[in-house]
Structure formats: structure tokens, C-alpha cells
Amino acid sequence: MTRVFRRLALQGGARIMEIYEADDFEVKTKEDESPVTEADEAADAIITAGLVAEFPDILLVTEEQADTHSKQSDSFIIVDPLDGTKEFIHRRGDFTVNIAYVENGVPVRGVVYAPAKGRLFYTDANGQSVEETGEHALDQAGPTAPIKVSVPDNDALIVVASKSHRDQATDDYINKYNVKDSAAAGSSLKFCLVATGEADLYPRVGRTMEWDTAAGHAVLNGAGGQVIRYDDHAPLTYGKADYANPFFIALAPGVHVHKA
């Protein structure tokens, strides 16, 4: 499964970069007022076709196909073909391709590919998360290194937060911690920065959908991290009726989590 997810993420990412590097591209507005580009739709077409061909019996949920949002199953594949559309539109590079497999509410396999940054993260066959370097060839994986969350120092935490969605509520929550450094990143890269130990804590006090988070959550799980609900600190689960997430906190175990 990971091999297929990896290949499709790379194929989708290559098409995204063709559009990203063009002089201009089309941007439309969806019903929820969020932007969508031709890159979102082109990558979705590539990834969907590949997943349907390889896994015809597994439910597929994808952001760009509203008719998939009303379907439910204990196990399903969930896709965000271009997470960080605003970063893409502003040519900031912090966008990702996300493919995950969810089993009984838990994202157990995931691929996060940031094509403009050349970073590729995924869970291997054993559920361990790795970062792959090298050429990122379609049919031959390059060198991989296991990734692992930090051992946090609660007197000097590194916090990562959204570039496009940071607000006063987020800042107020971050201010509850002793922060040595903070960084801004777009898309699901924030989960990966916690997974690699480049950050200790990522709070999200704002709306997200399961396709935004499942792949990054899987990568963080496989690196020894966790994602919990903001309100009661219970594990964040998947397969909710509307695929909408509550506020959440992604972290390295050992962070002394403050109440909302």
C-alpha cells in the first residue's frame, strides 16, 4: 500500500509543479469560499485513478470530490491532493500531497510529499515513519532514514503554527507554554516537523477536515508522536460523519499539555 501511495503522491506532485511553474494558472472558489486551482483538480484526477485501479474495494474519500464525503466505512483511503492551496497560489512552496489509509478510526499509513521543497515522508510496511531523500524516482525508492519525535524541554519548546490560519486564539494558547522558538509552516508539513523533531508542538485552533490531517497524523504516529483533541485531550479519531475535525494538538510525548 505504501509503495502505491508513494508513487501516486510523486505523480500528483509532478503535475502540481508543472502548473506551479507556469506563468499563470486558474483559481476558482468553492462553495465554502475556499480556493481551488487547476493543480488541485489535476493531481486529484491522477491520484484517484491510481487508487481506484489498485484498491477497488476500499472506500475512497477525497477533498475534491464532494460525492465521496457522504460515504462511510470502518476502513478507507483519504486524500488531499494539494493541501496548502493558499501557499500554492502565493508561490510560497509550503504545500503537500497527502494520501492516508484509516483503519478503525486511526490513520495507520500515510504519505506526505512537499514537491516544491523536495521532502517526502511516509510510513513503511512496519508502520515506522521515514523521510526519503535522493531523486524520488517513481519506481525505485531512494535512501530512507527513520524519523523520531524530540524529547521535549518544557522550559524551551519549539512550536510550529499555521502560516495562513494563525489567529489570536492560537497565539493565546501558545503563550501558555515556555517557548524557545516558533516557526510558521503551511499545510501538513507542520505534522512532519513535529515527527522529525524539528518542532515539539503544533496546536490547531481552527477548522480542518480529515483529509487535511490524516496523512500527517499517520507520519507523526509512526515517529512516536500523537494528536489529541484540544478540548478533552482524547485521541483525535477519523471517520466522523462529516469528516470535520475538532480543534487539536499535535505533539511529542513529554510535552506538558495545557488545558484550552
C-alpha atoms as a PDB file:
ATOM      1  CA  MET A   1       0.000   0.000   0.000  1.00  0.00           C
ATOM      2  CA  THR A   2       2.749   2.462   0.898  1.00  0.00           C
ATOM      3  CA  ARG A   3       4.505   1.784  -2.404  1.00  0.00           C
ATOM      4  CA  VAL A   4       1.367   2.709  -4.335  1.00  0.00           C
ATOM      5  CA  PHE A   5       0.667   5.770  -2.177  1.00  0.00           C
ATOM      6  CA  ARG A   6       4.255   6.934  -2.672  1.00  0.00           C
ATOM      7  CA  ARG A   7       4.133   6.556  -6.452  1.00  0.00           C
ATOM      8  CA  LEU A   8       0.810   8.366  -6.785  1.00  0.00           C
ATOM      9  CA  ALA A   9       1.918  11.189  -4.483  1.00  0.00           C
ATOM     10  CA  LEU A  10       5.001  11.686  -6.653  1.00  0.00           C
ATOM     11  CA  GLN A  11       2.949  11.613  -9.848  1.00  0.00           C
ATOM     12  CA  GLY A  12       0.446  14.085  -8.417  1.00  0.00           C
ATOM     13  CA  GLY A  13       3.272  16.268  -7.153  1.00  0.00           C
ATOM     14  CA  ALA A  14       4.956  16.331 -10.569  1.00  0.00           C
ATOM     15  CA  ARG A  15       1.742  17.567 -12.199  1.00  0.00           C
ATOM     16  CA  ILE A  16       1.311  20.179  -9.468  1.00  0.00           C
ATOM     17  CA  MET A  17       4.816  21.501 -10.094  1.00  0.00           C
ATOM     18  CA  GLU A  18       4.185  21.772 -13.851  1.00  0.00           C
ATOM     19  CA  ILE A  19       1.277  24.096 -13.096  1.00  0.00           C
ATOM     20  CA  TYR A  20       3.094  25.881 -10.255  1.00  0.00           C
ATOM     21  CA  GLU A  21       5.987  26.776 -12.546  1.00  0.00           C
ATOM     22  CA  ALA A  22       3.737  28.047 -15.348  1.00  0.00           C
ATOM     23  CA  ASP A  23       3.271  31.788 -15.871  1.00  0.00           C
ATOM     24  CA  ASP A  24      -0.326  31.637 -14.705  1.00  0.00           C
ATOM     25  CA  PHE A  25      -2.943  29.154 -13.511  1.00  0.00           C
ATOM     26  CA  GLU A  26      -6.666  29.149 -12.885  1.00  0.00           C
ATOM     27  CA  VAL A  27      -8.036  29.751  -9.376  1.00  0.00           C
ATOM     28  CA  LYS A  28     -11.706  29.184  -8.545  1.00  0.00           C
ATOM     29  CA  THR A  29     -13.730  29.484  -5.342  1.00  0.00           C
ATOM     30  CA  LYS A  30     -15.604  26.514  -3.870  1.00  0.00           C
ATOM     31  CA  GLU A  31     -18.964  26.673  -2.118  1.00  0.00           C
ATOM     32  CA  ASP A  32     -17.266  27.035   1.268  1.00  0.00           C
ATOM     33  CA  GLU A  33     -15.336  30.066  -0.065  1.00  0.00           C
ATOM     34  CA  SER A  34     -12.017  28.188  -0.061  1.00  0.00           C
ATOM     35  CA  PRO A  35      -9.852  28.421  -3.186  1.00  0.00           C
ATOM     36  CA  VAL A  36      -9.236  25.562  -5.596  1.00  0.00           C
ATOM     37  CA  THR A  37      -6.795  25.564  -8.507  1.00  0.00           C
ATOM     38  CA  GLU A  38      -6.351  23.513 -11.644  1.00  0.00           C
ATOM     39  CA  ALA A  39      -3.436  21.860  -9.815  1.00  0.00           C
ATOM     40  CA  ASP A  40      -5.766  20.538  -7.080  1.00  0.00           C
ATOM     41  CA  GLU A  41      -8.034  19.046  -9.720  1.00  0.00           C
ATOM     42  CA  ALA A  42      -5.260  17.649 -11.938  1.00  0.00           C
ATOM     43  CA  ALA A  43      -3.496  15.949  -9.032  1.00  0.00           C
ATOM     44  CA  ASP A  44      -6.790  14.580  -7.762  1.00  0.00           C
ATOM     45  CA  ALA A  45      -7.543  13.002 -11.142  1.00  0.00           C
ATOM     46  CA  ILE A  46      -4.151  11.248 -11.219  1.00  0.00           C
ATOM     47  CA  ILE A  47      -4.312  10.025  -7.625  1.00  0.00           C
ATOM     48  CA  THR A  48      -7.948   8.935  -7.750  1.00  0.00           C
ATOM     49  CA  ALA A  49      -7.479   6.915 -10.940  1.00  0.00           C
ATOM     50  CA  GLY A  50      -4.472   5.142  -9.447  1.00  0.00           C
ATOM     51  CA  LEU A  51      -6.143   4.354  -6.147  1.00  0.00           C
ATOM     52  CA  VAL A  52      -9.338   3.062  -7.746  1.00  0.00           C
ATOM     53  CA  ALA A  53      -7.286   0.796 -10.011  1.00  0.00           C
ATOM     54  CA  GLU A  54      -5.154  -0.593  -7.164  1.00  0.00           C
ATOM     55  CA  PHE A  55      -7.727  -0.714  -4.343  1.00  0.00           C
ATOM     56  CA  PRO A  56     -11.174  -1.023  -5.945  1.00  0.00           C
ATOM     57  CA  ASP A  57     -12.774  -2.479  -2.812  1.00  0.00           C
ATOM     58  CA  ILE A  58     -11.637   0.206  -0.364  1.00  0.00           C
ATOM     59  CA  LEU A  59     -13.741   3.342   0.145  1.00  0.00           C
ATOM     60  CA  LEU A  60     -12.004   6.421  -1.250  1.00  0.00           C
ATOM     61  CA  VAL A  61     -12.682   9.858   0.249  1.00  0.00           C
ATOM     62  CA  THR A  62     -11.078  12.836  -1.461  1.00  0.00           C
ATOM     63  CA  GLU A  63     -11.415  16.546  -0.807  1.00  0.00           C
ATOM     64  CA  GLU A  64     -12.060  17.449  -4.423  1.00  0.00           C
ATOM     65  CA  GLN A  65     -14.995  15.065  -4.937  1.00  0.00           C
ATOM     66  CA  ALA A  66     -17.952  16.108  -2.810  1.00  0.00           C
ATOM     67  CA  ASP A  67     -19.878  12.940  -3.613  1.00  0.00           C
ATOM     68  CA  THR A  68     -17.341  10.945  -1.586  1.00  0.00           C
ATOM     69  CA  HIS A  69     -17.944  12.978   1.577  1.00  0.00           C
ATOM     70  CA  SER A  70     -21.238  11.296   2.447  1.00  0.00           C
ATOM     71  CA  LYS A  71     -19.871   7.742   2.376  1.00  0.00           C
ATOM     72  CA  GLN A  72     -18.676   5.892   5.479  1.00  0.00           C
ATOM     73  CA  SER A  73     -16.644   2.782   6.274  1.00  0.00           C
ATOM     74  CA  ASP A  74     -14.539   1.429   9.124  1.00  0.00           C
ATOM     75  CA  SER A  75     -11.557   1.453   6.767  1.00  0.00           C
ATOM     76  CA  PHE A  76     -10.941   3.949   3.979  1.00  0.00           C
ATOM     77  CA  ILE A  77      -8.341   5.832   1.967  1.00  0.00           C
ATOM     78  CA  ILE A  78      -8.462   9.615   2.321  1.00  0.00           C
ATOM     79  CA  VAL A  79      -6.772  12.109   0.021  1.00  0.00           C
ATOM     80  CA  ASP A  80      -5.962  15.788  -0.102  1.00  0.00           C
ATOM     81  CA  PRO A  81      -4.283  16.158  -3.499  1.00  0.00           C
ATOM     82  CA  LEU A  82      -2.990  19.652  -2.701  1.00  0.00           C
ATOM     83  CA  ASP A  83      -3.010  20.751   0.926  1.00  0.00           C
ATOM     84  CA  GLY A  84      -1.961  24.364   1.353  1.00  0.00           C
ATOM     85  CA  THR A  85      -3.701  25.801  -1.695  1.00  0.00           C
ATOM     86  CA  LYS A  86      -3.175  29.345  -0.413  1.00  0.00           C
ATOM     87  CA  GLU A  87       0.557  28.657  -0.126  1.00  0.00           C
ATOM     88  CA  PHE A  88       0.469  27.340  -3.708  1.00  0.00           C
ATOM     89  CA  ILE A  89      -1.377  30.408  -5.009  1.00  0.00           C
ATOM     90  CA  HIS A  90       1.102  32.769  -3.330  1.00  0.00           C
ATOM     91  CA  ARG A  91       4.014  30.597  -4.539  1.00  0.00           C
ATOM     92  CA  ARG A  92       5.376  30.055  -1.039  1.00  0.00           C
ATOM     93  CA  GLY A  93       6.201  26.372  -1.508  1.00  0.00           C
ATOM     94  CA  ASP A  94       4.594  25.058   1.696  1.00  0.00           C
ATOM     95  CA  PHE A  95       2.059  22.748   0.059  1.00  0.00           C
ATOM     96  CA  THR A  96       1.780  18.986   0.137  1.00  0.00           C
ATOM     97  CA  VAL A  97       0.202  15.928  -1.441  1.00  0.00           C
ATOM     98  CA  ASN A  98      -1.474  13.741   1.186  1.00  0.00           C
ATOM     99  CA  ILE A  99      -2.684  10.144   0.969  1.00  0.00           C
ATOM    100  CA  ALA A 100      -3.625   8.072   4.034  1.00  0.00           C
ATOM    101  CA  TYR A 101      -5.267   4.812   4.994  1.00  0.00           C
ATOM    102  CA  VAL A 102      -7.521   4.851   8.049  1.00  0.00           C
ATOM    103  CA  GLU A 103      -8.441   1.699   9.954  1.00  0.00           C
ATOM    104  CA  ASN A 104     -10.994   1.770  12.783  1.00  0.00           C
ATOM    105  CA  GLY A 105     -10.592   5.487  13.308  1.00  0.00           C
ATOM    106  CA  VAL A 106      -6.776   5.527  13.254  1.00  0.00           C
ATOM    107  CA  PRO A 107      -4.592   6.676  10.326  1.00  0.00           C
ATOM    108  CA  VAL A 108      -2.162   3.758  10.037  1.00  0.00           C
ATOM    109  CA  ARG A 109      -0.461   4.511   6.705  1.00  0.00           C
ATOM    110  CA  GLY A 110       0.347   7.867   5.213  1.00  0.00           C
ATOM    111  CA  VAL A 111       2.423   9.702   2.630  1.00  0.00           C
ATOM    112  CA  VAL A 112       3.153  13.432   2.750  1.00  0.00           C
ATOM    113  CA  TYR A 113       5.040  14.868  -0.222  1.00  0.00           C
ATOM    114  CA  ALA A 114       6.109  18.511  -0.448  1.00  0.00           C
ATOM    115  CA  PRO A 115       7.160  18.763  -4.115  1.00  0.00           C
ATOM    116  CA  ALA A 116       8.404  22.360  -4.044  1.00  0.00           C
ATOM    117  CA  LYS A 117      10.619  21.564  -1.054  1.00  0.00           C
ATOM    118  CA  GLY A 118      11.696  18.116  -2.215  1.00  0.00           C
ATOM    119  CA  ARG A 119      10.673  16.484   1.067  1.00  0.00           C
ATOM    120  CA  LEU A 120       8.954  13.095   1.155  1.00  0.00           C
ATOM    121  CA  PHE A 121       7.700  11.421   4.332  1.00  0.00           C
ATOM    122  CA  TYR A 122       5.823   8.148   4.707  1.00  0.00           C
ATOM    123  CA  THR A 123       5.101   5.189   6.944  1.00  0.00           C
ATOM    124  CA  ASP A 124       6.842   1.991   5.888  1.00  0.00           C
ATOM    125  CA  ALA A 125       5.408  -1.530   5.886  1.00  0.00           C
ATOM    126  CA  ASN A 126       6.057  -1.802   9.631  1.00  0.00           C
ATOM    127  CA  GLY A 127       4.338   1.479  10.439  1.00  0.00           C
ATOM    128  CA  GLN A 128       7.658   3.248  11.139  1.00  0.00           C
ATOM    129  CA  SER A 129       7.882   6.705   9.616  1.00  0.00           C
ATOM    130  CA  VAL A 130      10.797   7.624   7.382  1.00  0.00           C
ATOM    131  CA  GLU A 131      11.981  10.527   5.277  1.00  0.00           C
ATOM    132  CA  GLU A 132      13.216   9.591   1.816  1.00  0.00           C
ATOM    133  CA  THR A 133      15.991  11.569   0.165  1.00  0.00           C
ATOM    134  CA  GLY A 134      17.539  11.344  -3.273  1.00  0.00           C
ATOM    135  CA  GLU A 135      15.920  11.519  -6.689  1.00  0.00           C
ATOM    136  CA  HIS A 136      12.400  10.439  -5.645  1.00  0.00           C
ATOM    137  CA  ALA A 137      12.158   8.178  -8.700  1.00  0.00           C
ATOM    138  CA  LEU A 138       8.687   6.794  -9.339  1.00  0.00           C
ATOM    139  CA  ASP A 139       9.506   3.101  -9.248  1.00  0.00           C
ATOM    140  CA  GLN A 140      12.582   2.997  -7.051  1.00  0.00           C
ATOM    141  CA  ALA A 141      12.665   4.388  -3.526  1.00  0.00           C
ATOM    142  CA  GLY A 142      15.768   6.335  -2.584  1.00  0.00           C
ATOM    143  CA  PRO A 143      17.644   6.291   0.718  1.00  0.00           C
ATOM    144  CA  THR A 144      15.383   6.469   3.766  1.00  0.00           C
ATOM    145  CA  ALA A 145      16.073   7.397   7.350  1.00  0.00           C
ATOM    146  CA  PRO A 146      13.741   6.682  10.284  1.00  0.00           C
ATOM    147  CA  ILE A 147      12.334   9.819  11.871  1.00  0.00           C
ATOM    148  CA  LYS A 148      11.502  10.274  15.515  1.00  0.00           C
ATOM    149  CA  VAL A 149       9.934  12.962  17.648  1.00  0.00           C
ATOM    150  CA  SER A 150      12.036  15.057  20.014  1.00  0.00           C
ATOM    151  CA  VAL A 151      12.486  14.645  23.740  1.00  0.00           C
ATOM    152  CA  PRO A 152      10.925  17.999  24.593  1.00  0.00           C
ATOM    153  CA  ASP A 153      12.284  20.504  27.087  1.00  0.00           C
ATOM    154  CA  ASN A 154       9.186  22.072  28.628  1.00  0.00           C
ATOM    155  CA  ASP A 155      11.214  25.141  29.568  1.00  0.00           C
ATOM    156  CA  ALA A 156      12.264  25.708  25.960  1.00  0.00           C
ATOM    157  CA  LEU A 157       9.735  24.326  23.494  1.00  0.00           C
ATOM    158  CA  ILE A 158       9.766  24.745  19.732  1.00  0.00           C
ATOM    159  CA  VAL A 159       6.269  25.442  18.421  1.00  0.00           C
ATOM    160  CA  VAL A 160       5.055  25.394  14.829  1.00  0.00           C
ATOM    161  CA  ALA A 161       1.821  27.021  13.696  1.00  0.00           C
ATOM    162  CA  SER A 162      -0.047  27.791  10.502  1.00  0.00           C
ATOM    163  CA  LYS A 163       1.133  30.430   8.053  1.00  0.00           C
ATOM    164  CA  SER A 164      -2.277  31.156   6.572  1.00  0.00           C
ATOM    165  CA  HIS A 165      -4.598  30.486   9.528  1.00  0.00           C
ATOM    166  CA  ARG A 166      -2.804  31.840  12.603  1.00  0.00           C
ATOM    167  CA  ASP A 167      -5.015  33.992  14.816  1.00  0.00           C
ATOM    168  CA  GLN A 168      -5.231  35.465  18.296  1.00  0.00           C
ATOM    169  CA  ALA A 169      -6.741  32.290  19.779  1.00  0.00           C
ATOM    170  CA  THR A 170      -3.743  30.312  18.543  1.00  0.00           C
ATOM    171  CA  ASP A 171      -1.303  32.867  19.938  1.00  0.00           C
ATOM    172  CA  ASP A 172      -3.117  32.910  23.289  1.00  0.00           C
ATOM    173  CA  TYR A 173      -2.798  29.148  23.555  1.00  0.00           C
ATOM    174  CA  ILE A 174       0.870  29.127  22.535  1.00  0.00           C
ATOM    175  CA  ASN A 175       1.546  31.766  25.184  1.00  0.00           C
ATOM    176  CA  LYS A 176       0.627  29.220  27.873  1.00  0.00           C
ATOM    177  CA  TYR A 177       3.957  27.451  27.122  1.00  0.00           C
ATOM    178  CA  ASN A 178       7.606  28.320  27.647  1.00  0.00           C
ATOM    179  CA  VAL A 179       8.614  28.771  24.026  1.00  0.00           C
ATOM    180  CA  LYS A 180      12.234  28.935  22.909  1.00  0.00           C
ATOM    181  CA  ASP A 181      11.412  29.309  19.246  1.00  0.00           C
ATOM    182  CA  SER A 182       8.405  29.302  16.958  1.00  0.00           C
ATOM    183  CA  ALA A 183       8.058  28.676  13.260  1.00  0.00           C
ATOM    184  CA  ALA A 184       5.348  29.071  10.670  1.00  0.00           C
ATOM    185  CA  ALA A 185       4.652  26.407   8.087  1.00  0.00           C
ATOM    186  CA  GLY A 186       1.851  25.650   5.685  1.00  0.00           C
ATOM    187  CA  SER A 187      -0.147  22.503   5.089  1.00  0.00           C
ATOM    188  CA  SER A 188       0.546  19.114   6.692  1.00  0.00           C
ATOM    189  CA  LEU A 189       4.262  19.922   6.848  1.00  0.00           C
ATOM    190  CA  LYS A 190       3.604  21.010  10.431  1.00  0.00           C
ATOM    191  CA  PHE A 191       2.926  17.392  11.455  1.00  0.00           C
ATOM    192  CA  CYS A 192       6.135  16.331   9.728  1.00  0.00           C
ATOM    193  CA  LEU A 193       8.199  18.956  11.547  1.00  0.00           C
ATOM    194  CA  VAL A 194       6.975  17.521  14.853  1.00  0.00           C
ATOM    195  CA  ALA A 195       7.621  13.994  13.541  1.00  0.00           C
ATOM    196  CA  THR A 196      11.263  14.780  12.700  1.00  0.00           C
ATOM    197  CA  GLY A 197      11.914  16.570  15.993  1.00  0.00           C
ATOM    198  CA  GLU A 198      12.217  19.965  14.287  1.00  0.00           C
ATOM    199  CA  ALA A 199       9.308  21.113  16.478  1.00  0.00           C
ATOM    200  CA  ASP A 200       7.734  19.843  19.700  1.00  0.00           C
ATOM    201  CA  LEU A 201       4.190  21.145  19.472  1.00  0.00           C
ATOM    202  CA  TYR A 202       1.632  22.110  16.823  1.00  0.00           C
ATOM    203  CA  PRO A 203      -1.722  23.411  18.106  1.00  0.00           C
ATOM    204  CA  ARG A 204      -4.562  23.967  15.645  1.00  0.00           C
ATOM    205  CA  VAL A 205      -7.316  26.194  16.968  1.00  0.00           C
ATOM    206  CA  GLY A 206      -9.330  26.350  13.774  1.00  0.00           C
ATOM    207  CA  ARG A 207     -11.326  24.342  11.288  1.00  0.00           C
ATOM    208  CA  THR A 208      -9.727  21.412   9.463  1.00  0.00           C
ATOM    209  CA  MET A 209     -11.062  18.374   7.668  1.00  0.00           C
ATOM    210  CA  GLU A 210      -9.847  14.804   7.974  1.00  0.00           C
ATOM    211  CA  TRP A 211      -8.211  14.874   4.528  1.00  0.00           C
ATOM    212  CA  ASP A 212      -6.088  17.822   5.741  1.00  0.00           C
ATOM    213  CA  THR A 213      -4.642  15.864   8.648  1.00  0.00           C
ATOM    214  CA  ALA A 214      -4.818  12.077   8.161  1.00  0.00           C
ATOM    215  CA  ALA A 215      -1.548  11.571   6.266  1.00  0.00           C
ATOM    216  CA  GLY A 216       0.426  13.906   8.526  1.00  0.00           C
ATOM    217  CA  HIS A 217      -1.152  12.270  11.564  1.00  0.00           C
ATOM    218  CA  ALA A 218      -0.060   8.829  10.296  1.00  0.00           C
ATOM    219  CA  VAL A 219       3.503  10.073   9.798  1.00  0.00           C
ATOM    220  CA  LEU A 220       3.543  11.593  13.276  1.00  0.00           C
ATOM    221  CA  ASN A 221       2.158   8.390  14.824  1.00  0.00           C
ATOM    222  CA  GLY A 222       4.871   6.369  13.104  1.00  0.00           C
ATOM    223  CA  ALA A 223       7.523   8.692  14.539  1.00  0.00           C
ATOM    224  CA  GLY A 224       6.290   8.241  18.115  1.00  0.00           C
ATOM    225  CA  GLY A 225       4.107  11.350  18.299  1.00  0.00           C
ATOM    226  CA  GLN A 226       0.431  11.832  18.930  1.00  0.00           C
ATOM    227  CA  VAL A 227      -2.522  14.036  18.019  1.00  0.00           C
ATOM    228  CA  ILE A 228      -5.122  14.825  20.652  1.00  0.00           C
ATOM    229  CA  ARG A 229      -8.307  16.840  20.784  1.00  0.00           C
ATOM    230  CA  TYR A 230      -7.949  20.401  22.037  1.00  0.00           C
ATOM    231  CA  ASP A 231     -10.988  20.202  24.320  1.00  0.00           C
ATOM    232  CA  ASP A 232     -10.551  16.976  26.310  1.00  0.00           C
ATOM    233  CA  HIS A 233      -7.113  15.679  25.159  1.00  0.00           C
ATOM    234  CA  ALA A 234      -8.645  12.413  23.890  1.00  0.00           C
ATOM    235  CA  PRO A 235      -7.031  10.917  20.775  1.00  0.00           C
ATOM    236  CA  LEU A 236      -8.138  12.510  17.503  1.00  0.00           C
ATOM    237  CA  THR A 237     -10.107   9.916  15.534  1.00  0.00           C
ATOM    238  CA  TYR A 238     -11.242   9.572  11.922  1.00  0.00           C
ATOM    239  CA  GLY A 239     -14.336   8.506  10.027  1.00  0.00           C
ATOM    240  CA  LYS A 240     -16.632  11.121  11.569  1.00  0.00           C
ATOM    241  CA  ALA A 241     -19.964  11.645   9.844  1.00  0.00           C
ATOM    242  CA  ASP A 242     -18.957  14.898   8.120  1.00  0.00           C
ATOM    243  CA  TYR A 243     -15.172  14.301   8.072  1.00  0.00           C
ATOM    244  CA  ALA A 244     -14.705  17.537  10.051  1.00  0.00           C
ATOM    245  CA  ASN A 245     -12.102  17.700  12.825  1.00  0.00           C
ATOM    246  CA  PRO A 246     -12.381  19.398  16.183  1.00  0.00           C
ATOM    247  CA  PHE A 247      -9.512  21.664  17.236  1.00  0.00           C
ATOM    248  CA  PHE A 248      -6.443  19.564  18.040  1.00  0.00           C
ATOM    249  CA  ILE A 249      -2.876  19.490  19.343  1.00  0.00           C
ATOM    250  CA  ALA A 250      -0.067  17.526  17.684  1.00  0.00           C
ATOM    251  CA  LEU A 251       2.882  16.894  19.954  1.00  0.00           C
ATOM    252  CA  ALA A 252       5.868  14.915  21.027  1.00  0.00           C
ATOM    253  CA  PRO A 253       5.089  12.860  24.141  1.00  0.00           C
ATOM    254  CA  GLY A 254       6.572  14.586  27.139  1.00  0.00           C
ATOM    255  CA  VAL A 255       5.123  17.997  26.359  1.00  0.00           C
ATOM    256  CA  HIS A 256       3.146  19.144  29.411  1.00  0.00           C
ATOM    257  CA  VAL A 257      -0.140  19.886  27.649  1.00  0.00           C
ATOM    258  CA  HIS A 258      -2.117  22.852  28.912  1.00  0.00           C
ATOM    259  CA  LYS A 259      -5.891  22.957  29.010  1.00  0.00           C
ATOM    260  CA  ALA A 260      -7.732  25.032  26.450  1.00  0.00           C
END
